[in-house]
Amino acid sequence: MTGSSEITARAVAFVAAKKPEAERLGGVLAELTADPDAFSRALSRGFAGLADPEYREGSRRIAPGLGPIHGVRWPLTAAVERAFRQATRGERPTGYLELADRLFAETELESRWFAFGLLDRLLPVDPERAWQLLRRAAREATDWITVDSLAHPFGRGILLEPYRWAELEQLVYSRSQWERRLIGSTIATTPFVDRRLGRERPIAVHGLGLIGSLLGDAEPNVQKALAWALRSLVLVDPEAVLAFVEREAARAAATNDGHRAWVLRDVLAKLPAGPAAAIKAQLGSIRRRTGSPATSEVAALGLPAARVATPA
């Protein structure tokens, strides 16, 4: 074995060796929910013991700008969370707000990401205060991993209280590319938060409206989330997504819009073969160009968000 196969083998072996430790950590945390400081310390120490330096360095390569992390591989984080959920099953998560707030003060991001799971469980019980902490996390986000980790609880919050779509609409105008990315990530994730409520037609109506407002954003991180969102919405309303892509492809072709074309081209694999081939031909050789101005509705209004792409 060489190259990527060796890396994969090392990762699998590392996770297998550390999984019992991760599961024990979840059980320990379940005994500390009444003491936010002790909970936070135990989680931080536990994550330090589960850290993989190779994974930490790899994470920094794929997520430039990523803040301090321990370097805990996702299957181990999931094992901690699963063991914690099992040990606290049936308990009301009323104290989770204080736990999440305390975890937000930790230096390494894994504690913050764990807090997102606590807030996800708190949303049905204390939706307003949980949502406010989630919004704070969105304002403070500086990397796509954190943003995409937020998408699941954001999606749950919207399904529980659909008026929160209006708050996503406000993020269209954010100066932060990460808040704008959160719009796409949330739309993409919502059909998987609840496979019934998350796939009802209003999800596609709201989602396509928001994507339409952002399409043409100059930031690649936002563009990737918009493409992801469109691919997910195919599960909700394939006809509406196809009509949207056909309409926007015609617009991209007429204006030589590379930002718009990149997103639409990334969705074609999820569309019926015939229409997808026609759209691909229509987009032709249109390509996005680094430094070219945004063409979204926000940019057309002269608002400050996403006028020019940040260099990669």
C-alpha atoms as a PDB file:
ATOM      1  CA  MET A   1       0.000   0.000   0.000  1.00  0.00           C
ATOM      2  CA  THR A   2       1.211   3.485  -0.823  1.00  0.00           C
ATOM      3  CA  GLY A   3      -0.017   7.058  -0.693  1.00  0.00           C
ATOM      4  CA  SER A   4      -3.677   7.549   0.172  1.00  0.00           C
ATOM      5  CA  SER A   5      -4.237   3.856   0.942  1.00  0.00           C
ATOM      6  CA  GLU A   6      -1.579   4.001   3.673  1.00  0.00           C
ATOM      7  CA  ILE A   7      -3.124   7.142   5.124  1.00  0.00           C
ATOM      8  CA  THR A   8      -6.556   5.503   5.126  1.00  0.00           C
ATOM      9  CA  ALA A   9      -5.214   2.388   6.809  1.00  0.00           C
ATOM     10  CA  ARG A  10      -3.564   4.460   9.532  1.00  0.00           C
ATOM     11  CA  ALA A  11      -6.778   6.413  10.081  1.00  0.00           C
ATOM     12  CA  VAL A  12      -8.889   3.253  10.371  1.00  0.00           C
ATOM     13  CA  ALA A  13      -6.458   1.714  12.838  1.00  0.00           C
ATOM     14  CA  PHE A  14      -6.282   4.895  14.901  1.00  0.00           C
ATOM     15  CA  VAL A  15     -10.070   5.156  15.161  1.00  0.00           C
ATOM     16  CA  ALA A  16     -10.426   1.489  16.081  1.00  0.00           C
ATOM     17  CA  ALA A  17      -7.850   1.822  18.843  1.00  0.00           C
ATOM     18  CA  LYS A  18      -9.358   5.005  20.281  1.00  0.00           C
ATOM     19  CA  LYS A  19     -13.069   4.216  19.954  1.00  0.00           C
ATOM     20  CA  PRO A  20     -13.470   2.596  23.424  1.00  0.00           C
ATOM     21  CA  GLU A  21     -11.831   5.655  24.974  1.00  0.00           C
ATOM     22  CA  ALA A  22     -14.231   7.923  23.077  1.00  0.00           C
ATOM     23  CA  GLU A  23     -17.224   5.948  24.280  1.00  0.00           C
ATOM     24  CA  ARG A  24     -16.016   6.106  27.877  1.00  0.00           C
ATOM     25  CA  LEU A  25     -15.663   9.872  27.543  1.00  0.00           C
ATOM     26  CA  GLY A  26     -19.301  10.172  26.488  1.00  0.00           C
ATOM     27  CA  GLY A  27     -20.359   8.290  29.602  1.00  0.00           C
ATOM     28  CA  VAL A  28     -18.184  10.443  31.879  1.00  0.00           C
ATOM     29  CA  LEU A  29     -19.663  13.626  30.410  1.00  0.00           C
ATOM     30  CA  ALA A  30     -23.180  12.393  31.154  1.00  0.00           C
ATOM     31  CA  GLU A  31     -22.321  12.509  34.856  1.00  0.00           C
ATOM     32  CA  LEU A  32     -21.154  16.134  34.681  1.00  0.00           C
ATOM     33  CA  THR A  33     -24.056  17.977  33.056  1.00  0.00           C
ATOM     34  CA  ALA A  34     -24.834  19.876  36.269  1.00  0.00           C
ATOM     35  CA  ASP A  35     -21.333  21.369  36.374  1.00  0.00           C
ATOM     36  CA  PRO A  36     -20.457  23.296  33.178  1.00  0.00           C
ATOM     37  CA  ASP A  37     -16.859  23.963  34.226  1.00  0.00           C
ATOM     38  CA  ALA A  38     -16.157  20.314  35.057  1.00  0.00           C
ATOM     39  CA  PHE A  39     -17.946  19.212  31.881  1.00  0.00           C
ATOM     40  CA  SER A  40     -15.848  21.560  29.756  1.00  0.00           C
ATOM     41  CA  ARG A  41     -12.580  20.501  31.364  1.00  0.00           C
ATOM     42  CA  ALA A  42     -13.386  16.802  30.976  1.00  0.00           C
ATOM     43  CA  LEU A  43     -14.358  17.258  27.320  1.00  0.00           C
ATOM     44  CA  SER A  44     -11.204  19.226  26.524  1.00  0.00           C
ATOM     45  CA  ARG A  45      -8.946  16.678  28.251  1.00  0.00           C
ATOM     46  CA  GLY A  46     -10.772  13.839  26.564  1.00  0.00           C
ATOM     47  CA  PHE A  47     -10.472  15.361  23.118  1.00  0.00           C
ATOM     48  CA  ALA A  48      -6.766  16.010  23.723  1.00  0.00           C
ATOM     49  CA  GLY A  49      -6.356  12.299  24.394  1.00  0.00           C
ATOM     50  CA  LEU A  50      -8.227  11.379  21.219  1.00  0.00           C
ATOM     51  CA  ALA A  51      -6.298  13.775  18.989  1.00  0.00           C
ATOM     52  CA  ASP A  52      -4.450  12.658  15.866  1.00  0.00           C
ATOM     53  CA  PRO A  53      -1.706  15.119  14.806  1.00  0.00           C
ATOM     54  CA  GLU A  54      -1.853  13.870  11.213  1.00  0.00           C
ATOM     55  CA  TYR A  55      -5.555  14.624  11.047  1.00  0.00           C
ATOM     56  CA  ARG A  56      -5.021  18.040  12.635  1.00  0.00           C
ATOM     57  CA  GLU A  57      -2.568  19.048   9.941  1.00  0.00           C
ATOM     58  CA  GLY A  58      -4.790  17.661   7.202  1.00  0.00           C
ATOM     59  CA  SER A  59      -7.746  19.643   8.498  1.00  0.00           C
ATOM     60  CA  ARG A  60      -5.760  22.850   8.255  1.00  0.00           C
ATOM     61  CA  ARG A  61      -4.967  22.120   4.616  1.00  0.00           C
ATOM     62  CA  ILE A  62      -8.582  21.552   3.596  1.00  0.00           C
ATOM     63  CA  ALA A  63      -9.992  24.407   5.712  1.00  0.00           C
ATOM     64  CA  PRO A  64      -7.676  27.440   5.476  1.00  0.00           C
ATOM     65  CA  GLY A  65      -8.314  29.826   8.334  1.00  0.00           C
ATOM     66  CA  LEU A  66      -9.382  27.041  10.664  1.00  0.00           C
ATOM     67  CA  GLY A  67      -8.853  28.045  14.291  1.00  0.00           C
ATOM     68  CA  PRO A  68      -7.208  25.942  17.013  1.00  0.00           C
ATOM     69  CA  ILE A  69      -8.286  22.304  17.058  1.00  0.00           C
ATOM     70  CA  HIS A  70      -7.238  19.172  18.896  1.00  0.00           C
ATOM     71  CA  GLY A  71      -7.454  17.094  15.711  1.00  0.00           C
ATOM     72  CA  VAL A  72     -10.100  14.536  16.671  1.00  0.00           C
ATOM     73  CA  ARG A  73     -11.260  12.417  13.774  1.00  0.00           C
ATOM     74  CA  TRP A  74     -14.989  12.615  13.012  1.00  0.00           C
ATOM     75  CA  PRO A  75     -15.834   8.959  13.861  1.00  0.00           C
ATOM     76  CA  LEU A  76     -14.373   9.479  17.331  1.00  0.00           C
ATOM     77  CA  THR A  77     -16.279  12.708  17.873  1.00  0.00           C
ATOM     78  CA  ALA A  78     -19.418  10.871  16.750  1.00  0.00           C
ATOM     79  CA  ALA A  79     -18.656   8.048  19.206  1.00  0.00           C
ATOM     80  CA  VAL A  80     -18.390  10.524  22.092  1.00  0.00           C
ATOM     81  CA  GLU A  81     -21.672  12.181  21.108  1.00  0.00           C
ATOM     82  CA  ARG A  82     -23.464   8.873  20.638  1.00  0.00           C
ATOM     83  CA  ALA A  83     -22.360   7.555  24.021  1.00  0.00           C
ATOM     84  CA  PHE A  84     -23.376  10.824  25.652  1.00  0.00           C
ATOM     85  CA  ARG A  85     -26.821  10.731  24.039  1.00  0.00           C
ATOM     86  CA  GLN A  86     -27.370   7.152  25.109  1.00  0.00           C
ATOM     87  CA  ALA A  87     -26.332   7.909  28.689  1.00  0.00           C
ATOM     88  CA  THR A  88     -28.632  10.950  28.876  1.00  0.00           C
ATOM     89  CA  ARG A  89     -31.599   9.485  27.032  1.00  0.00           C
ATOM     90  CA  GLY A  90     -34.851  10.503  28.660  1.00  0.00           C
ATOM     91  CA  GLU A  91     -33.328  13.442  30.525  1.00  0.00           C
ATOM     92  CA  ARG A  92     -34.615  16.935  29.831  1.00  0.00           C
ATOM     93  CA  PRO A  93     -31.819  19.044  28.320  1.00  0.00           C
ATOM     94  CA  THR A  94     -32.718  22.119  30.343  1.00  0.00           C
ATOM     95  CA  GLY A  95     -29.140  22.704  31.512  1.00  0.00           C
ATOM     96  CA  TYR A  96     -27.619  22.403  28.056  1.00  0.00           C
ATOM     97  CA  LEU A  97     -27.729  26.140  27.407  1.00  0.00           C
ATOM     98  CA  GLU A  98     -25.232  26.756  30.204  1.00  0.00           C
ATOM     99  CA  LEU A  99     -23.096  23.840  29.015  1.00  0.00           C
ATOM    100  CA  ALA A 100     -23.033  25.151  25.443  1.00  0.00           C
ATOM    101  CA  ASP A 101     -22.233  28.677  26.549  1.00  0.00           C
ATOM    102  CA  ARG A 102     -19.319  27.365  28.611  1.00  0.00           C
ATOM    103  CA  LEU A 103     -18.014  25.222  25.754  1.00  0.00           C
ATOM    104  CA  PHE A 104     -18.010  28.283  23.486  1.00  0.00           C
ATOM    105  CA  ALA A 105     -15.274  29.696  25.740  1.00  0.00           C
ATOM    106  CA  GLU A 106     -12.873  26.830  25.015  1.00  0.00           C
ATOM    107  CA  THR A 107      -9.967  27.515  22.676  1.00  0.00           C
ATOM    108  CA  GLU A 108     -10.212  24.405  20.504  1.00  0.00           C
ATOM    109  CA  LEU A 109     -13.097  24.234  18.064  1.00  0.00           C
ATOM    110  CA  GLU A 110     -14.113  20.642  18.841  1.00  0.00           C
ATOM    111  CA  SER A 111     -15.714  21.840  22.085  1.00  0.00           C
ATOM    112  CA  ARG A 112     -17.763  24.378  20.151  1.00  0.00           C
ATOM    113  CA  TRP A 113     -18.818  21.734  17.637  1.00  0.00           C
ATOM    114  CA  PHE A 114     -19.908  19.460  20.489  1.00  0.00           C
ATOM    115  CA  ALA A 115     -21.951  22.369  21.846  1.00  0.00           C
ATOM    116  CA  PHE A 116     -23.861  22.547  18.562  1.00  0.00           C
ATOM    117  CA  GLY A 117     -25.167  19.048  19.260  1.00  0.00           C
ATOM    118  CA  LEU A 118     -26.310  20.104  22.718  1.00  0.00           C
ATOM    119  CA  LEU A 119     -28.180  23.066  21.225  1.00  0.00           C
ATOM    120  CA  ASP A 120     -29.752  20.801  18.616  1.00  0.00           C
ATOM    121  CA  ARG A 121     -31.263  18.763  21.462  1.00  0.00           C
ATOM    122  CA  LEU A 122     -32.272  21.901  23.366  1.00  0.00           C
ATOM    123  CA  LEU A 123     -34.167  23.523  20.477  1.00  0.00           C
ATOM    124  CA  PRO A 124     -37.479  21.667  21.078  1.00  0.00           C
ATOM    125  CA  VAL A 125     -37.387  22.662  24.779  1.00  0.00           C
ATOM    126  CA  ASP A 126     -35.957  26.186  24.763  1.00  0.00           C
ATOM    127  CA  PRO A 127     -35.979  27.305  21.130  1.00  0.00           C
ATOM    128  CA  GLU A 128     -35.384  31.025  21.536  1.00  0.00           C
ATOM    129  CA  ARG A 129     -32.338  30.877  23.800  1.00  0.00           C
ATOM    130  CA  ALA A 130     -30.848  27.946  21.879  1.00  0.00           C
ATOM    131  CA  TRP A 131     -31.325  29.838  18.619  1.00  0.00           C
ATOM    132  CA  GLN A 132     -29.607  32.919  19.977  1.00  0.00           C
ATOM    133  CA  LEU A 133     -26.506  30.888  20.830  1.00  0.00           C
ATOM    134  CA  LEU A 134     -26.566  29.334  17.368  1.00  0.00           C
ATOM    135  CA  ARG A 135     -26.758  32.799  15.789  1.00  0.00           C
ATOM    136  CA  ARG A 136     -23.827  33.897  17.921  1.00  0.00           C
ATOM    137  CA  ALA A 137     -21.832  30.915  16.677  1.00  0.00           C
ATOM    138  CA  ALA A 138     -22.674  31.845  13.088  1.00  0.00           C
ATOM    139  CA  ARG A 139     -21.459  35.407  13.598  1.00  0.00           C
ATOM    140  CA  GLU A 140     -18.204  34.128  15.054  1.00  0.00           C
ATOM    141  CA  ALA A 141     -17.547  31.428  12.432  1.00  0.00           C
ATOM    142  CA  THR A 142     -14.414  31.747  10.320  1.00  0.00           C
ATOM    143  CA  ASP A 143     -14.257  28.395   8.505  1.00  0.00           C
ATOM    144  CA  TRP A 144     -16.498  26.103   6.492  1.00  0.00           C
ATOM    145  CA  ILE A 145     -16.264  23.154   8.904  1.00  0.00           C
ATOM    146  CA  THR A 146     -17.820  25.194  11.706  1.00  0.00           C
ATOM    147  CA  VAL A 147     -20.478  26.597   9.377  1.00  0.00           C
ATOM    148  CA  ASP A 148     -21.478  23.208   8.022  1.00  0.00           C
ATOM    149  CA  SER A 149     -21.585  21.809  11.568  1.00  0.00           C
ATOM    150  CA  LEU A 150     -24.072  24.553  12.412  1.00  0.00           C
ATOM    151  CA  ALA A 151     -26.339  23.665   9.508  1.00  0.00           C
ATOM    152  CA  HIS A 152     -28.042  20.701  11.229  1.00  0.00           C
ATOM    153  CA  PRO A 153     -29.274  22.616  14.311  1.00  0.00           C
ATOM    154  CA  PHE A 154     -30.171  25.575  12.098  1.00  0.00           C
ATOM    155  CA  GLY A 155     -32.274  23.262   9.967  1.00  0.00           C
ATOM    156  CA  ARG A 156     -33.969  21.825  13.039  1.00  0.00           C
ATOM    157  CA  GLY A 157     -34.695  25.301  14.349  1.00  0.00           C
ATOM    158  CA  ILE A 158     -36.374  26.228  11.070  1.00  0.00           C
ATOM    159  CA  LEU A 159     -38.448  23.041  10.960  1.00  0.00           C
ATOM    160  CA  LEU A 160     -39.612  23.656  14.526  1.00  0.00           C
ATOM    161  CA  GLU A 161     -40.373  27.341  13.884  1.00  0.00           C
ATOM    162  CA  PRO A 162     -40.706  28.079  10.149  1.00  0.00           C
ATOM    163  CA  TYR A 163     -40.780  31.848  10.712  1.00  0.00           C
ATOM    164  CA  ARG A 164     -37.010  31.565  11.168  1.00  0.00           C
ATOM    165  CA  TRP A 165     -36.683  31.410   7.392  1.00  0.00           C
ATOM    166  CA  ALA A 166     -36.861  35.184   7.676  1.00  0.00           C
ATOM    167  CA  GLU A 167     -33.636  35.179   9.675  1.00  0.00           C
ATOM    168  CA  LEU A 168     -31.872  33.257   6.921  1.00  0.00           C
ATOM    169  CA  GLU A 169     -33.189  35.833   4.467  1.00  0.00           C
ATOM    170  CA  GLN A 170     -31.403  38.535   6.447  1.00  0.00           C
ATOM    171  CA  LEU A 171     -28.114  36.639   6.178  1.00  0.00           C
ATOM    172  CA  VAL A 172     -28.202  37.140   2.415  1.00  0.00           C
ATOM    173  CA  TYR A 173     -26.993  40.668   3.141  1.00  0.00           C
ATOM    174  CA  SER A 174     -24.240  39.682   5.558  1.00  0.00           C
ATOM    175  CA  ARG A 175     -20.709  40.914   4.903  1.00  0.00           C
ATOM    176  CA  SER A 176     -19.458  37.548   6.206  1.00  0.00           C
ATOM    177  CA  GLN A 177     -19.010  34.880   3.552  1.00  0.00           C
ATOM    178  CA  TRP A 178     -19.476  32.317   6.330  1.00  0.00           C
ATOM    179  CA  GLU A 179     -22.944  33.561   7.260  1.00  0.00           C
ATOM    180  CA  ARG A 180     -23.849  33.536   3.575  1.00  0.00           C
ATOM    181  CA  ARG A 181     -22.461  30.012   3.242  1.00  0.00           C
ATOM    182  CA  LEU A 182     -24.641  28.984   6.187  1.00  0.00           C
ATOM    183  CA  ILE A 183     -27.710  29.709   4.083  1.00  0.00           C
ATOM    184  CA  GLY A 184     -26.704  27.106   1.504  1.00  0.00           C
ATOM    185  CA  SER A 185     -25.492  24.620   4.111  1.00  0.00           C
ATOM    186  CA  THR A 186     -28.747  24.864   6.050  1.00  0.00           C
ATOM    187  CA  ILE A 187     -30.882  24.360   2.947  1.00  0.00           C
ATOM    188  CA  ALA A 188     -28.712  21.399   1.951  1.00  0.00           C
ATOM    189  CA  THR A 189     -28.957  19.761   5.375  1.00  0.00           C
ATOM    190  CA  THR A 190     -32.619  20.349   6.232  1.00  0.00           C
ATOM    191  CA  PRO A 191     -33.988  17.461   4.098  1.00  0.00           C
ATOM    192  CA  PHE A 192     -31.877  15.117   6.244  1.00  0.00           C
ATOM    193  CA  VAL A 193     -32.729  16.625   9.646  1.00  0.00           C
ATOM    194  CA  ASP A 194     -36.260  15.249   9.317  1.00  0.00           C
ATOM    195  CA  ARG A 195     -36.940  13.106   6.270  1.00  0.00           C
ATOM    196  CA  ARG A 196     -40.650  13.979   6.323  1.00  0.00           C
ATOM    197  CA  LEU A 197     -40.893  17.636   7.356  1.00  0.00           C
ATOM    198  CA  GLY A 198     -37.573  18.440   5.694  1.00  0.00           C
ATOM    199  CA  ARG A 199     -38.841  17.238   2.317  1.00  0.00           C
ATOM    200  CA  GLU A 200     -42.153  19.042   2.160  1.00  0.00           C
ATOM    201  CA  ARG A 201     -42.677  21.467  -0.699  1.00  0.00           C
ATOM    202  CA  PRO A 202     -42.266  24.698   1.354  1.00  0.00           C
ATOM    203  CA  ILE A 203     -38.632  23.705   1.944  1.00  0.00           C
ATOM    204  CA  ALA A 204     -38.001  23.914  -1.793  1.00  0.00           C
ATOM    205  CA  VAL A 205     -39.969  27.147  -2.131  1.00  0.00           C
ATOM    206  CA  HIS A 206     -38.000  28.907   0.596  1.00  0.00           C
ATOM    207  CA  GLY A 207     -34.740  27.259  -0.380  1.00  0.00           C
ATOM    208  CA  LEU A 208     -34.890  28.154  -4.058  1.00  0.00           C
ATOM    209  CA  GLY A 209     -35.856  31.704  -3.185  1.00  0.00           C
ATOM    210  CA  LEU A 210     -32.780  32.101  -1.005  1.00  0.00           C
ATOM    211  CA  ILE A 211     -30.492  30.419  -3.521  1.00  0.00           C
ATOM    212  CA  GLY A 212     -31.852  32.730  -6.187  1.00  0.00           C
ATOM    213  CA  SER A 213     -30.913  35.744  -4.087  1.00  0.00           C
ATOM    214  CA  LEU A 214     -27.349  34.505  -3.549  1.00  0.00           C
ATOM    215  CA  LEU A 215     -26.625  32.908  -6.918  1.00  0.00           C
ATOM    216  CA  GLY A 216     -23.792  34.885  -8.451  1.00  0.00           C
ATOM    217  CA  ASP A 217     -21.991  35.378  -5.123  1.00  0.00           C
ATOM    218  CA  ALA A 218     -18.284  35.723  -5.836  1.00  0.00           C
ATOM    219  CA  GLU A 219     -17.015  33.627  -2.911  1.00  0.00           C
ATOM    220  CA  PRO A 220     -16.161  29.992  -3.792  1.00  0.00           C
ATOM    221  CA  ASN A 221     -17.129  28.898  -0.266  1.00  0.00           C
ATOM    222  CA  VAL A 222     -20.608  30.285  -0.817  1.00  0.00           C
ATOM    223  CA  GLN A 223     -20.851  28.869  -4.325  1.00  0.00           C
ATOM    224  CA  LYS A 224     -20.037  25.351  -3.080  1.00  0.00           C
ATOM    225  CA  ALA A 225     -22.813  25.541  -0.481  1.00  0.00           C
ATOM    226  CA  LEU A 226     -25.344  26.785  -3.039  1.00  0.00           C
ATOM    227  CA  ALA A 227     -24.547  23.867  -5.343  1.00  0.00           C
ATOM    228  CA  TRP A 228     -24.858  21.467  -2.401  1.00  0.00           C
ATOM    229  CA  ALA A 229     -28.223  23.012  -1.538  1.00  0.00           C
ATOM    230  CA  LEU A 230     -29.556  22.587  -5.065  1.00  0.00           C
ATOM    231  CA  ARG A 231     -28.459  18.946  -5.153  1.00  0.00           C
ATOM    232  CA  SER A 232     -30.274  18.305  -1.861  1.00  0.00           C
ATOM    233  CA  LEU A 233     -33.435  20.058  -3.019  1.00  0.00           C
ATOM    234  CA  VAL A 234     -33.688  17.589  -5.902  1.00  0.00           C
ATOM    235  CA  LEU A 235     -34.923  15.183  -3.198  1.00  0.00           C
ATOM    236  CA  VAL A 236     -37.653  17.644  -2.239  1.00  0.00           C
ATOM    237  CA  ASP A 237     -38.972  18.977  -5.563  1.00  0.00           C
ATOM    238  CA  PRO A 238     -37.016  17.797  -8.611  1.00  0.00           C
ATOM    239  CA  GLU A 239     -39.253  19.578 -11.107  1.00  0.00           C
ATOM    240  CA  ALA A 240     -38.848  22.932  -9.364  1.00  0.00           C
ATOM    241  CA  VAL A 241     -35.073  22.513  -9.170  1.00  0.00           C
ATOM    242  CA  LEU A 242     -34.846  21.641 -12.861  1.00  0.00           C
ATOM    243  CA  ALA A 243     -36.935  24.668 -13.818  1.00  0.00           C
ATOM    244  CA  PHE A 244     -34.748  26.866 -11.607  1.00  0.00           C
ATOM    245  CA  VAL A 245     -31.501  25.565 -13.110  1.00  0.00           C
ATOM    246  CA  GLU A 246     -32.808  25.936 -16.676  1.00  0.00           C
ATOM    247  CA  ARG A 247     -33.874  29.517 -16.005  1.00  0.00           C
ATOM    248  CA  GLU A 248     -30.614  30.480 -14.329  1.00  0.00           C
ATOM    249  CA  ALA A 249     -28.523  28.733 -16.986  1.00  0.00           C
ATOM    250  CA  ALA A 250     -30.178  30.865 -19.645  1.00  0.00           C
ATOM    251  CA  ARG A 251     -29.320  33.932 -17.584  1.00  0.00           C
ATOM    252  CA  ALA A 252     -25.722  32.808 -17.113  1.00  0.00           C
ATOM    253  CA  ALA A 253     -25.322  32.149 -20.827  1.00  0.00           C
ATOM    254  CA  ALA A 254     -26.793  35.524 -21.774  1.00  0.00           C
ATOM    255  CA  THR A 255     -24.466  37.422 -19.417  1.00  0.00           C
ATOM    256  CA  ASN A 256     -21.361  35.181 -19.524  1.00  0.00           C
ATOM    257  CA  ASP A 257     -21.737  34.771 -15.753  1.00  0.00           C
ATOM    258  CA  GLY A 258     -19.017  32.427 -14.514  1.00  0.00           C
ATOM    259  CA  HIS A 259     -20.041  32.573 -10.852  1.00  0.00           C
ATOM    260  CA  ARG A 260     -23.569  31.463 -11.703  1.00  0.00           C
ATOM    261  CA  ALA A 261     -22.427  28.882 -14.241  1.00  0.00           C
ATOM    262  CA  TRP A 262     -20.066  27.177 -11.784  1.00  0.00           C
ATOM    263  CA  VAL A 263     -22.872  26.492  -9.300  1.00  0.00           C
ATOM    264  CA  LEU A 264     -25.295  25.277 -11.956  1.00  0.00           C
ATOM    265  CA  ARG A 265     -22.732  23.019 -13.608  1.00  0.00           C
ATOM    266  CA  ASP A 266     -22.082  21.354 -10.244  1.00  0.00           C
ATOM    267  CA  VAL A 267     -25.745  20.315  -9.988  1.00  0.00           C
ATOM    268  CA  LEU A 268     -26.104  18.649 -13.383  1.00  0.00           C
ATOM    269  CA  ALA A 269     -25.239  15.138 -12.181  1.00  0.00           C
ATOM    270  CA  LYS A 270     -28.429  15.140 -10.073  1.00  0.00           C
ATOM    271  CA  LEU A 271     -30.709  16.183 -12.947  1.00  0.00           C
ATOM    272  CA  PRO A 272     -32.279  13.997 -15.670  1.00  0.00           C
ATOM    273  CA  ALA A 273     -29.729  13.158 -18.335  1.00  0.00           C
ATOM    274  CA  GLY A 274     -31.464  14.848 -21.246  1.00  0.00           C
ATOM    275  CA  PRO A 275     -32.080  18.266 -19.696  1.00  0.00           C
ATOM    276  CA  ALA A 276     -28.682  18.119 -17.981  1.00  0.00           C
ATOM    277  CA  ALA A 277     -26.922  17.635 -21.306  1.00  0.00           C
ATOM    278  CA  ALA A 278     -28.815  20.578 -22.806  1.00  0.00           C
ATOM    279  CA  ILE A 279     -27.912  22.816 -19.856  1.00  0.00           C
ATOM    280  CA  LYS A 280     -24.267  21.746 -20.050  1.00  0.00           C
ATOM    281  CA  ALA A 281     -24.161  22.670 -23.724  1.00  0.00           C
ATOM    282  CA  GLN A 282     -25.855  25.997 -22.999  1.00  0.00           C
ATOM    283  CA  LEU A 283     -23.265  26.888 -20.375  1.00  0.00           C
ATOM    284  CA  GLY A 284     -20.531  25.884 -22.803  1.00  0.00           C
ATOM    285  CA  SER A 285     -17.133  27.268 -21.883  1.00  0.00           C
ATOM    286  CA  ILE A 286     -18.328  29.919 -19.406  1.00  0.00           C
ATOM    287  CA  ARG A 287     -15.930  29.895 -16.474  1.00  0.00           C
ATOM    288  CA  ARG A 288     -15.640  31.884 -13.265  1.00  0.00           C
ATOM    289  CA  ARG A 289     -12.702  34.256 -13.030  1.00  0.00           C
ATOM    290  CA  THR A 290     -10.885  35.077  -9.810  1.00  0.00           C
ATOM    291  CA  GLY A 291     -11.453  38.690  -8.860  1.00  0.00           C
ATOM    292  CA  SER A 292     -14.536  39.163 -11.025  1.00  0.00           C
ATOM    293  CA  PRO A 293     -17.378  41.017  -9.283  1.00  0.00           C
ATOM    294  CA  ALA A 294     -20.393  39.274  -7.847  1.00  0.00           C
ATOM    295  CA  THR A 295     -23.542  39.122  -9.945  1.00  0.00           C
ATOM    296  CA  SER A 296     -26.059  38.178  -7.252  1.00  0.00           C
ATOM    297  CA  GLU A 297     -29.207  40.154  -6.501  1.00  0.00           C
ATOM    298  CA  VAL A 298     -27.426  41.551  -3.443  1.00  0.00           C
ATOM    299  CA  ALA A 299     -24.627  42.884  -5.635  1.00  0.00           C
ATOM    300  CA  ALA A 300     -27.129  44.283  -8.127  1.00  0.00           C
ATOM    301  CA  LEU A 301     -28.713  46.307  -5.321  1.00  0.00           C
ATOM    302  CA  GLY A 302     -25.333  47.857  -4.564  1.00  0.00           C
ATOM    303  CA  LEU A 303     -25.120  46.223  -1.141  1.00  0.00           C
ATOM    304  CA  PRO A 304     -21.659  45.508   0.267  1.00  0.00           C
ATOM    305  CA  ALA A 305     -21.763  41.736   0.618  1.00  0.00           C
ATOM    306  CA  ALA A 306     -19.829  39.545  -1.803  1.00  0.00           C
ATOM    307  CA  ARG A 307     -18.846  42.108  -4.410  1.00  0.00           C
ATOM    308  CA  VAL A 308     -15.507  40.534  -5.225  1.00  0.00           C
ATOM    309  CA  ALA A 309     -14.199  37.077  -4.483  1.00  0.00           C
ATOM    310  CA  THR A 310     -11.560  36.678  -1.822  1.00  0.00           C
ATOM    311  CA  PRO A 311      -8.454  35.127  -3.440  1.00  0.00           C
ATOM    312  CA  ALA A 312      -8.112  31.433  -2.629  1.00  0.00           C
END
